[in-house]
Structure formats: structure tokens, C-alpha cells
Amino acid sequence: MLRHYLEHLRRPDETRQALLGFLKKVDIFLSHSKHDKNDAGEQVAKAIRKKLTERDGLGSFFDVYDIPPGLKFHDVLLAQIEISAVIAVHTDSFSSREWCRREIIEAKRHNRPLVIANCIADRDERGFPYLGNVPIIRLENKKASRIEAVINALLDEVTLPR
């Protein structure tokens, strides 16, 4: 609510409906690995997606659920990254997965807002320098308050159109 109020102060001539319309345009791409012990990356991504469904004006993209049958997997992923803010669920296997690395590179290439949810349990299998120069929020055990912190950090990164 505070974020909405501050934006209204910056744009006093815009109606509440126009601001809510902008918020509906915020899609969040959940980049995660499915190759962790106990499916940690997928479980955290699902918890974030669940939290996003409780908030107005935010959509999420989760590959398993949101790629329509018959479309090329890689085409949909790359096109979605171009229009989304990105949360990278950084688990032990994340940096070693080709598609996880590619999603981050594409997000950076298209200058997309990006936040890292640090969920390293033991060790990062392979360092990945493109995860640098973005906010990193420690997220363990899928705590709801920490998920909110990740989402709020990402919304702080979203550049509003002028």
C-alpha cells in the first residue's frame, strides 16, 4: 500500500485505476532448478508462486504450468523473460544448470529487474558471475515473511514507466 501511495504522489493526475492497471502488467518469472535434493528449487518456486497468487496485480510464470502444449519450450521461456521481472531461486544446483544460467543471461541482456532468493543449503556447485550486482535475499525453509521480502525487493527493482 505504501508503494502504491508513493507512486500516486509522483503521479497525482493519474487515477487509481491507471495505477492498478500498471501493477497488473507485472509478471514474475520464477527461475529455478529441478535438480536439487528434495526438489528444493521447485518447492521454493511453488511457495513463491503461491504467495504471488495472494497479491493483487502480480502474475507469475512457472514453466511446468505455464507453457502451453504444442509450443516450443525454449521459445516460450525466452519470450517470457523479455517481458518479466525475474526471481532466481538460487539453490545448490542452480548455477550448474544450463537453462538457469541462460535465463539469467537473458534477463540481464534485456535489462529485466532481477532478485536472487538465496536458498543454498550446502554449496553452490558452480559459481556464476552473472548473479552479481542484483539484490540477494536469504530465503530458507520457505518462510512466508522471507518470501514477502523477496517479492518486495523485486518490486523495488521494477522501473515504473514515466
N, C-alpha and C. Protein backbone atom coordinates (compact mmCIF):
# COMPACT_ATOMS: atom_id res chain seq x y z
N MET A 1 0.82 -1.19 0.00
CA MET A 1 0.00 0.00 0.00
C MET A 1 0.86 1.25 0.00
N LEU A 2 1.97 1.22 0.74
CA LEU A 2 2.86 2.37 0.78
C LEU A 2 3.46 2.63 -0.60
N ARG A 3 3.87 1.56 -1.26
CA ARG A 3 4.46 1.70 -2.60
C ARG A 3 3.43 2.35 -3.54
N HIS A 4 2.18 1.92 -3.45
CA HIS A 4 1.13 2.48 -4.29
C HIS A 4 0.91 3.96 -3.96
N TYR A 5 0.86 4.28 -2.68
CA TYR A 5 0.63 5.67 -2.26
C TYR A 5 1.77 6.58 -2.73
N LEU A 6 3.01 6.14 -2.58
CA LEU A 6 4.15 6.96 -3.02
C LEU A 6 4.10 7.19 -4.53
N GLU A 7 3.72 6.17 -5.27
CA GLU A 7 3.64 6.33 -6.72
C GLU A 7 2.51 7.28 -7.07
N HIS A 8 1.42 7.25 -6.32
CA HIS A 8 0.32 8.19 -6.55
C HIS A 8 0.77 9.62 -6.31
N LEU A 9 1.61 9.82 -5.30
CA LEU A 9 2.14 11.16 -5.04
C LEU A 9 3.00 11.66 -6.21
N ARG A 10 3.72 10.74 -6.85
CA ARG A 10 4.54 11.11 -8.00
C ARG A 10 3.69 11.40 -9.23
N ARG A 11 2.49 10.84 -9.28
CA ARG A 11 1.60 10.96 -10.43
C ARG A 11 0.21 11.37 -9.97
N PRO A 12 0.05 12.57 -9.47
CA PRO A 12 -1.25 12.95 -8.89
C PRO A 12 -2.39 13.01 -9.90
N ASP A 13 -2.08 13.17 -11.18
CA ASP A 13 -3.15 13.27 -12.18
C ASP A 13 -3.67 11.91 -12.64
N GLU A 14 -2.95 10.84 -12.30
CA GLU A 14 -3.41 9.52 -12.72
C GLU A 14 -4.42 8.97 -11.73
N THR A 15 -5.35 8.26 -12.27
CA THR A 15 -6.38 7.67 -11.41
C THR A 15 -5.86 6.40 -10.75
N ARG A 16 -6.54 6.01 -9.72
CA ARG A 16 -6.20 4.75 -9.04
C ARG A 16 -6.28 3.59 -10.02
N GLN A 17 -7.26 3.63 -10.92
CA GLN A 17 -7.45 2.56 -11.91
C GLN A 17 -6.23 2.44 -12.83
N ALA A 18 -5.66 3.58 -13.23
CA ALA A 18 -4.49 3.56 -14.11
C ALA A 18 -3.29 2.93 -13.40
N LEU A 19 -3.12 3.26 -12.12
CA LEU A 19 -2.01 2.68 -11.37
C LEU A 19 -2.22 1.18 -11.18
N LEU A 20 -3.43 0.78 -10.87
CA LEU A 20 -3.70 -0.65 -10.73
C LEU A 20 -3.51 -1.38 -12.05
N GLY A 21 -3.84 -0.71 -13.14
CA GLY A 21 -3.61 -1.29 -14.46
C GLY A 21 -2.15 -1.56 -14.70
N PHE A 22 -1.30 -0.62 -14.26
CA PHE A 22 0.14 -0.85 -14.42
C PHE A 22 0.58 -2.06 -13.59
N LEU A 23 0.09 -2.14 -12.36
CA LEU A 23 0.51 -3.24 -11.50
C LEU A 23 0.12 -4.59 -12.09
N LYS A 24 -1.00 -4.64 -12.80
CA LYS A 24 -1.41 -5.89 -13.41
C LYS A 24 -0.44 -6.34 -14.50
N LYS A 25 0.37 -5.42 -14.97
CA LYS A 25 1.33 -5.75 -16.02
C LYS A 25 2.60 -6.40 -15.47
N VAL A 26 2.77 -6.48 -14.16
CA VAL A 26 3.98 -7.04 -13.59
C VAL A 26 3.89 -8.56 -13.56
N ASP A 27 4.62 -9.20 -14.45
CA ASP A 27 4.72 -10.66 -14.47
C ASP A 27 6.06 -11.04 -13.86
N ILE A 28 6.06 -12.09 -13.07
CA ILE A 28 7.27 -12.52 -12.40
C ILE A 28 7.64 -13.92 -12.89
N PHE A 29 8.83 -14.01 -13.45
CA PHE A 29 9.37 -15.26 -13.97
C PHE A 29 10.13 -15.94 -12.83
N LEU A 30 9.79 -17.17 -12.53
CA LEU A 30 10.44 -17.92 -11.45
C LEU A 30 11.48 -18.86 -12.03
N SER A 31 12.73 -18.43 -11.97
CA SER A 31 13.84 -19.23 -12.48
C SER A 31 14.32 -20.15 -11.36
N HIS A 32 14.34 -21.45 -11.62
CA HIS A 32 14.70 -22.41 -10.58
C HIS A 32 15.23 -23.70 -11.20
N SER A 33 15.96 -24.45 -10.40
CA SER A 33 16.48 -25.75 -10.83
C SER A 33 15.59 -26.85 -10.28
N LYS A 34 15.44 -27.88 -11.07
CA LYS A 34 14.69 -29.06 -10.62
C LYS A 34 15.63 -30.20 -10.26
N HIS A 35 16.90 -29.89 -10.01
CA HIS A 35 17.90 -30.93 -9.79
C HIS A 35 18.55 -30.84 -8.42
N ASP A 36 17.80 -30.43 -7.41
CA ASP A 36 18.31 -30.34 -6.05
C ASP A 36 17.78 -31.50 -5.22
N LYS A 37 18.48 -31.78 -4.12
CA LYS A 37 17.97 -32.77 -3.17
C LYS A 37 16.61 -32.31 -2.68
N ASN A 38 15.70 -33.24 -2.54
CA ASN A 38 14.35 -32.95 -2.05
C ASN A 38 13.61 -31.92 -2.90
N ASP A 39 14.00 -31.76 -4.16
CA ASP A 39 13.33 -30.80 -5.06
C ASP A 39 13.27 -29.40 -4.46
N ALA A 40 14.33 -28.99 -3.78
CA ALA A 40 14.34 -27.71 -3.06
C ALA A 40 14.00 -26.53 -3.95
N GLY A 41 14.61 -26.43 -5.13
CA GLY A 41 14.35 -25.30 -6.03
C GLY A 41 12.91 -25.23 -6.47
N GLU A 42 12.36 -26.36 -6.85
CA GLU A 42 10.97 -26.40 -7.30
C GLU A 42 10.01 -26.10 -6.15
N GLN A 43 10.30 -26.62 -4.97
CA GLN A 43 9.43 -26.38 -3.82
C GLN A 43 9.41 -24.90 -3.43
N VAL A 44 10.57 -24.25 -3.45
CA VAL A 44 10.63 -22.82 -3.13
C VAL A 44 9.90 -22.01 -4.20
N ALA A 45 10.11 -22.35 -5.48
CA ALA A 45 9.43 -21.65 -6.56
C ALA A 45 7.91 -21.79 -6.42
N LYS A 46 7.43 -22.96 -6.05
CA LYS A 46 5.99 -23.16 -5.83
C LYS A 46 5.49 -22.31 -4.67
N ALA A 47 6.28 -22.22 -3.60
CA ALA A 47 5.88 -21.41 -2.44
C ALA A 47 5.81 -19.93 -2.82
N ILE A 48 6.76 -19.47 -3.63
CA ILE A 48 6.73 -18.08 -4.08
C ILE A 48 5.52 -17.86 -4.97
N ARG A 49 5.27 -18.78 -5.88
CA ARG A 49 4.10 -18.65 -6.78
C ARG A 49 2.81 -18.59 -5.96
N LYS A 50 2.70 -19.43 -4.95
CA LYS A 50 1.51 -19.42 -4.10
C LYS A 50 1.34 -18.06 -3.44
N LYS A 51 2.43 -17.50 -2.94
CA LYS A 51 2.38 -16.19 -2.29
C LYS A 51 1.98 -15.12 -3.31
N LEU A 52 2.46 -15.22 -4.54
CA LEU A 52 2.12 -14.24 -5.57
C LEU A 52 0.62 -14.27 -5.90
N THR A 53 0.01 -15.45 -5.83
CA THR A 53 -1.42 -15.54 -6.14
C THR A 53 -2.27 -14.84 -5.09
N GLU A 54 -1.70 -14.61 -3.91
CA GLU A 54 -2.43 -13.93 -2.84
C GLU A 54 -2.37 -12.41 -2.99
N ARG A 55 -1.52 -11.91 -3.88
CA ARG A 55 -1.35 -10.47 -4.04
C ARG A 55 -2.02 -10.02 -5.34
N ASP A 56 -2.65 -8.87 -5.30
CA ASP A 56 -3.29 -8.32 -6.49
C ASP A 56 -2.25 -7.75 -7.44
N GLY A 57 -2.50 -7.89 -8.73
CA GLY A 57 -1.70 -7.22 -9.74
C GLY A 57 -0.39 -7.89 -10.09
N LEU A 58 -0.12 -9.06 -9.55
CA LEU A 58 1.12 -9.75 -9.87
C LEU A 58 0.82 -11.11 -10.47
N GLY A 59 1.43 -11.38 -11.60
CA GLY A 59 1.30 -12.68 -12.22
C GLY A 59 2.62 -13.42 -12.10
N SER A 60 2.60 -14.71 -12.29
CA SER A 60 3.84 -15.46 -12.24
C SER A 60 3.92 -16.41 -13.42
N PHE A 61 5.16 -16.74 -13.78
CA PHE A 61 5.40 -17.70 -14.85
C PHE A 61 6.22 -18.83 -14.26
N PHE A 62 5.66 -20.03 -14.32
CA PHE A 62 6.30 -21.24 -13.80
C PHE A 62 6.25 -22.25 -14.94
N ASP A 63 7.41 -22.60 -15.47
CA ASP A 63 7.48 -23.38 -16.71
C ASP A 63 6.57 -24.60 -16.75
N VAL A 64 6.51 -25.37 -15.69
CA VAL A 64 5.71 -26.60 -15.67
C VAL A 64 4.24 -26.33 -15.94
N TYR A 65 3.74 -25.20 -15.43
CA TYR A 65 2.32 -24.90 -15.53
C TYR A 65 1.96 -23.95 -16.67
N ASP A 66 2.89 -23.14 -17.10
CA ASP A 66 2.54 -22.02 -17.96
C ASP A 66 3.04 -22.10 -19.41
N ILE A 67 3.61 -23.21 -19.81
CA ILE A 67 3.98 -23.37 -21.22
C ILE A 67 2.87 -24.16 -21.89
N PRO A 68 2.16 -23.51 -22.81
CA PRO A 68 1.05 -24.20 -23.47
C PRO A 68 1.54 -25.39 -24.31
N PRO A 69 0.77 -26.46 -24.35
CA PRO A 69 1.14 -27.63 -25.16
C PRO A 69 1.29 -27.23 -26.63
N GLY A 70 2.28 -27.81 -27.26
CA GLY A 70 2.48 -27.58 -28.68
C GLY A 70 3.45 -26.45 -29.00
N LEU A 71 3.77 -25.60 -28.02
CA LEU A 71 4.72 -24.53 -28.26
C LEU A 71 6.12 -24.99 -27.89
N LYS A 72 7.11 -24.42 -28.55
CA LYS A 72 8.49 -24.79 -28.26
C LYS A 72 8.90 -24.22 -26.90
N PHE A 73 9.37 -25.12 -26.05
CA PHE A 73 9.76 -24.80 -24.68
C PHE A 73 10.69 -23.59 -24.63
N HIS A 74 11.77 -23.64 -25.38
CA HIS A 74 12.77 -22.56 -25.31
C HIS A 74 12.24 -21.24 -25.85
N ASP A 75 11.39 -21.28 -26.87
CA ASP A 75 10.82 -20.03 -27.41
C ASP A 75 9.95 -19.33 -26.37
N VAL A 76 9.13 -20.11 -25.66
CA VAL A 76 8.24 -19.54 -24.65
C VAL A 76 9.06 -18.96 -23.50
N LEU A 77 10.03 -19.72 -23.02
CA LEU A 77 10.86 -19.24 -21.91
C LEU A 77 11.56 -17.92 -22.26
N LEU A 78 12.20 -17.87 -23.40
CA LEU A 78 12.96 -16.67 -23.77
C LEU A 78 12.04 -15.48 -24.00
N ALA A 79 10.87 -15.70 -24.60
CA ALA A 79 9.93 -14.60 -24.82
C ALA A 79 9.37 -14.10 -23.50
N GLN A 80 9.11 -15.00 -22.56
CA GLN A 80 8.56 -14.60 -21.27
C GLN A 80 9.57 -13.79 -20.45
N ILE A 81 10.82 -14.17 -20.52
CA ILE A 81 11.85 -13.43 -19.78
C ILE A 81 11.93 -11.99 -20.27
N GLU A 82 11.75 -11.77 -21.56
CA GLU A 82 11.82 -10.41 -22.12
C GLU A 82 10.80 -9.47 -21.52
N ILE A 83 9.69 -9.99 -21.01
CA ILE A 83 8.62 -9.13 -20.50
C ILE A 83 8.39 -9.27 -19.00
N SER A 84 9.26 -9.98 -18.31
CA SER A 84 9.03 -10.28 -16.90
C SER A 84 10.11 -9.70 -16.00
N ALA A 85 9.74 -9.51 -14.75
CA ALA A 85 10.71 -9.34 -13.68
C ALA A 85 11.09 -10.77 -13.26
N VAL A 86 12.29 -10.98 -12.75
CA VAL A 86 12.77 -12.34 -12.52
C VAL A 86 13.18 -12.54 -11.06
N ILE A 87 12.69 -13.64 -10.49
CA ILE A 87 13.21 -14.12 -9.21
C ILE A 87 13.97 -15.39 -9.51
N ALA A 88 15.27 -15.40 -9.17
CA ALA A 88 16.09 -16.59 -9.35
C ALA A 88 16.19 -17.30 -8.00
N VAL A 89 15.70 -18.52 -7.95
CA VAL A 89 15.77 -19.33 -6.73
C VAL A 89 17.13 -20.04 -6.78
N HIS A 90 18.10 -19.44 -6.10
CA HIS A 90 19.49 -19.90 -6.18
C HIS A 90 19.73 -21.02 -5.16
N THR A 91 19.60 -22.25 -5.64
CA THR A 91 19.84 -23.43 -4.82
C THR A 91 21.19 -24.02 -5.20
N ASP A 92 21.57 -25.11 -4.55
CA ASP A 92 22.88 -25.72 -4.77
C ASP A 92 23.15 -26.05 -6.23
N SER A 93 22.15 -26.48 -6.97
CA SER A 93 22.38 -26.89 -8.36
C SER A 93 22.08 -25.79 -9.39
N PHE A 94 21.52 -24.67 -8.97
CA PHE A 94 21.07 -23.63 -9.90
C PHE A 94 22.14 -23.23 -10.91
N SER A 95 23.31 -22.85 -10.42
CA SER A 95 24.36 -22.33 -11.31
C SER A 95 24.94 -23.38 -12.24
N SER A 96 24.73 -24.64 -11.94
CA SER A 96 25.27 -25.69 -12.81
C SER A 96 24.30 -26.09 -13.92
N ARG A 97 23.09 -25.56 -13.91
CA ARG A 97 22.08 -25.91 -14.90
C ARG A 97 22.12 -24.94 -16.07
N GLU A 98 22.24 -25.47 -17.27
CA GLU A 98 22.35 -24.63 -18.47
C GLU A 98 21.19 -23.65 -18.62
N TRP A 99 19.96 -24.14 -18.44
CA TRP A 99 18.82 -23.25 -18.65
C TRP A 99 18.71 -22.18 -17.57
N CYS A 100 19.08 -22.50 -16.35
CA CYS A 100 19.07 -21.49 -15.29
C CYS A 100 20.05 -20.37 -15.63
N ARG A 101 21.25 -20.75 -16.07
CA ARG A 101 22.24 -19.74 -16.46
C ARG A 101 21.73 -18.93 -17.65
N ARG A 102 21.14 -19.60 -18.61
CA ARG A 102 20.64 -18.90 -19.80
C ARG A 102 19.52 -17.91 -19.43
N GLU A 103 18.63 -18.30 -18.53
CA GLU A 103 17.56 -17.40 -18.10
C GLU A 103 18.12 -16.12 -17.48
N ILE A 104 19.16 -16.27 -16.66
CA ILE A 104 19.76 -15.09 -16.02
C ILE A 104 20.46 -14.22 -17.05
N ILE A 105 21.18 -14.82 -17.96
CA ILE A 105 21.86 -14.05 -19.01
C ILE A 105 20.83 -13.29 -19.85
N GLU A 106 19.73 -13.94 -20.20
CA GLU A 106 18.68 -13.28 -21.00
C GLU A 106 18.04 -12.13 -20.21
N ALA A 107 17.80 -12.35 -18.93
CA ALA A 107 17.22 -11.29 -18.10
C ALA A 107 18.15 -10.08 -18.06
N LYS A 108 19.44 -10.33 -17.90
CA LYS A 108 20.41 -9.23 -17.87
C LYS A 108 20.51 -8.57 -19.25
N ARG A 109 20.50 -9.38 -20.29
CA ARG A 109 20.60 -8.85 -21.66
C ARG A 109 19.44 -7.91 -21.98
N HIS A 110 18.26 -8.23 -21.46
CA HIS A 110 17.07 -7.41 -21.72
C HIS A 110 16.81 -6.39 -20.60
N ASN A 111 17.78 -6.28 -19.69
CA ASN A 111 17.70 -5.28 -18.62
C ASN A 111 16.45 -5.46 -17.76
N ARG A 112 16.12 -6.69 -17.46
CA ARG A 112 14.93 -7.01 -16.67
C ARG A 112 15.26 -6.92 -15.18
N PRO A 113 14.29 -6.50 -14.35
CA PRO A 113 14.51 -6.50 -12.91
C PRO A 113 14.77 -7.93 -12.43
N LEU A 114 15.73 -8.07 -11.53
CA LEU A 114 16.16 -9.40 -11.09
C LEU A 114 16.52 -9.36 -9.61
N VAL A 115 16.04 -10.36 -8.88
CA VAL A 115 16.40 -10.54 -7.47
C VAL A 115 16.75 -12.01 -7.28
N ILE A 116 17.75 -12.25 -6.45
CA ILE A 116 18.17 -13.61 -6.14
C ILE A 116 17.61 -14.01 -4.78
N ALA A 117 16.89 -15.12 -4.73
CA ALA A 117 16.46 -15.72 -3.47
C ALA A 117 17.51 -16.77 -3.12
N ASN A 118 18.38 -16.45 -2.17
CA ASN A 118 19.49 -17.33 -1.81
C ASN A 118 18.97 -18.49 -0.97
N CYS A 119 18.97 -19.68 -1.58
CA CYS A 119 18.48 -20.89 -0.90
C CYS A 119 19.57 -21.97 -0.87
N ILE A 120 20.82 -21.54 -0.88
CA ILE A 120 21.92 -22.50 -0.85
C ILE A 120 21.85 -23.28 0.46
N ALA A 121 21.80 -24.61 0.36
CA ALA A 121 21.72 -25.46 1.55
C ALA A 121 23.11 -25.92 1.99
N ASP A 122 23.95 -26.27 1.02
CA ASP A 122 25.27 -26.81 1.35
C ASP A 122 26.37 -26.03 0.62
N ARG A 123 26.31 -26.06 -0.73
CA ARG A 123 27.32 -25.35 -1.51
C ARG A 123 26.80 -25.12 -2.92
N ASP A 124 27.27 -24.06 -3.52
CA ASP A 124 26.96 -23.77 -4.92
C ASP A 124 27.87 -24.66 -5.76
N GLU A 125 27.29 -25.51 -6.61
CA GLU A 125 28.09 -26.45 -7.39
C GLU A 125 29.05 -25.75 -8.35
N ARG A 126 28.65 -24.57 -8.85
CA ARG A 126 29.47 -23.86 -9.83
C ARG A 126 29.13 -22.38 -9.71
N GLY A 127 30.15 -21.56 -9.41
CA GLY A 127 29.91 -20.12 -9.32
C GLY A 127 29.46 -19.56 -10.67
N PHE A 128 28.63 -18.55 -10.63
CA PHE A 128 28.10 -17.96 -11.86
C PHE A 128 28.12 -16.45 -11.71
N PRO A 129 29.05 -15.77 -12.38
CA PRO A 129 29.24 -14.33 -12.15
C PRO A 129 28.05 -13.45 -12.52
N TYR A 130 27.17 -13.91 -13.40
CA TYR A 130 26.04 -13.09 -13.81
C TYR A 130 24.97 -12.94 -12.72
N LEU A 131 25.16 -13.65 -11.61
CA LEU A 131 24.24 -13.48 -10.48
C LEU A 131 24.62 -12.27 -9.64
N GLY A 132 25.67 -11.56 -10.05
CA GLY A 132 26.14 -10.41 -9.29
C GLY A 132 25.40 -9.13 -9.63
N ASN A 133 25.62 -8.13 -8.79
CA ASN A 133 25.10 -6.77 -8.96
C ASN A 133 23.58 -6.71 -8.98
N VAL A 134 22.94 -7.58 -8.21
CA VAL A 134 21.49 -7.55 -8.01
C VAL A 134 21.22 -7.84 -6.53
N PRO A 135 20.05 -7.45 -6.03
CA PRO A 135 19.73 -7.76 -4.64
C PRO A 135 19.67 -9.27 -4.39
N ILE A 136 20.21 -9.67 -3.25
CA ILE A 136 20.19 -11.08 -2.83
C ILE A 136 19.51 -11.13 -1.47
N ILE A 137 18.46 -11.93 -1.39
CA ILE A 137 17.71 -12.07 -0.14
C ILE A 137 17.85 -13.52 0.32
N ARG A 138 18.27 -13.71 1.56
CA ARG A 138 18.38 -15.06 2.11
C ARG A 138 16.97 -15.60 2.35
N LEU A 139 16.73 -16.79 1.82
CA LEU A 139 15.41 -17.43 1.94
C LEU A 139 15.63 -18.88 2.31
N GLU A 140 15.24 -19.24 3.52
CA GLU A 140 15.35 -20.64 3.90
C GLU A 140 14.04 -21.13 4.49
N ASN A 141 13.80 -22.39 4.28
CA ASN A 141 12.60 -23.05 4.82
C ASN A 141 11.30 -22.42 4.35
N LYS A 142 11.30 -21.75 3.23
CA LYS A 142 10.08 -21.19 2.62
C LYS A 142 9.27 -20.33 3.60
N LYS A 143 9.93 -19.64 4.51
CA LYS A 143 9.23 -18.79 5.48
C LYS A 143 8.47 -17.70 4.74
N ALA A 144 7.21 -17.54 5.08
CA ALA A 144 6.35 -16.58 4.40
C ALA A 144 6.90 -15.17 4.47
N SER A 145 7.43 -14.77 5.62
CA SER A 145 7.95 -13.40 5.75
C SER A 145 9.15 -13.18 4.84
N ARG A 146 9.97 -14.19 4.65
CA ARG A 146 11.13 -14.07 3.78
C ARG A 146 10.70 -14.06 2.31
N ILE A 147 9.65 -14.80 1.97
CA ILE A 147 9.13 -14.78 0.61
C ILE A 147 8.62 -13.37 0.30
N GLU A 148 7.93 -12.77 1.25
CA GLU A 148 7.47 -11.38 1.07
C GLU A 148 8.66 -10.45 0.85
N ALA A 149 9.74 -10.66 1.58
CA ALA A 149 10.94 -9.83 1.43
C ALA A 149 11.51 -9.96 0.02
N VAL A 150 11.51 -11.16 -0.53
CA VAL A 150 12.00 -11.39 -1.90
C VAL A 150 11.10 -10.65 -2.90
N ILE A 151 9.79 -10.81 -2.77
CA ILE A 151 8.85 -10.17 -3.68
C ILE A 151 8.96 -8.65 -3.59
N ASN A 152 9.04 -8.12 -2.37
CA ASN A 152 9.16 -6.67 -2.20
C ASN A 152 10.46 -6.14 -2.78
N ALA A 153 11.55 -6.88 -2.62
CA ALA A 153 12.83 -6.45 -3.21
C ALA A 153 12.72 -6.40 -4.73
N LEU A 154 12.02 -7.37 -5.31
CA LEU A 154 11.84 -7.38 -6.76
C LEU A 154 10.99 -6.20 -7.20
N LEU A 155 9.92 -5.93 -6.47
CA LEU A 155 9.07 -4.79 -6.84
C LEU A 155 9.84 -3.48 -6.72
N ASP A 156 10.77 -3.40 -5.80
CA ASP A 156 11.62 -2.20 -5.70
C ASP A 156 12.52 -2.06 -6.93
N GLU A 157 12.83 -3.17 -7.58
CA GLU A 157 13.68 -3.15 -8.76
C GLU A 157 12.92 -2.81 -10.05
N VAL A 158 11.60 -2.99 -10.02
CA VAL A 158 10.78 -2.73 -11.20
C VAL A 158 10.77 -1.23 -11.48
N THR A 159 11.18 -0.85 -12.66
CA THR A 159 11.19 0.56 -13.05
C THR A 159 9.81 0.92 -13.58
N LEU A 160 9.23 1.93 -12.99
CA LEU A 160 7.91 2.36 -13.44
C LEU A 160 8.04 3.25 -14.68
N PRO A 161 7.15 3.07 -15.65
CA PRO A 161 7.21 3.91 -16.85
C PRO A 161 6.86 5.36 -16.52
N ARG A 162 7.48 6.28 -17.21
CA ARG A 162 7.23 7.71 -16.96
C ARG A 162 6.37 8.28 -18.05
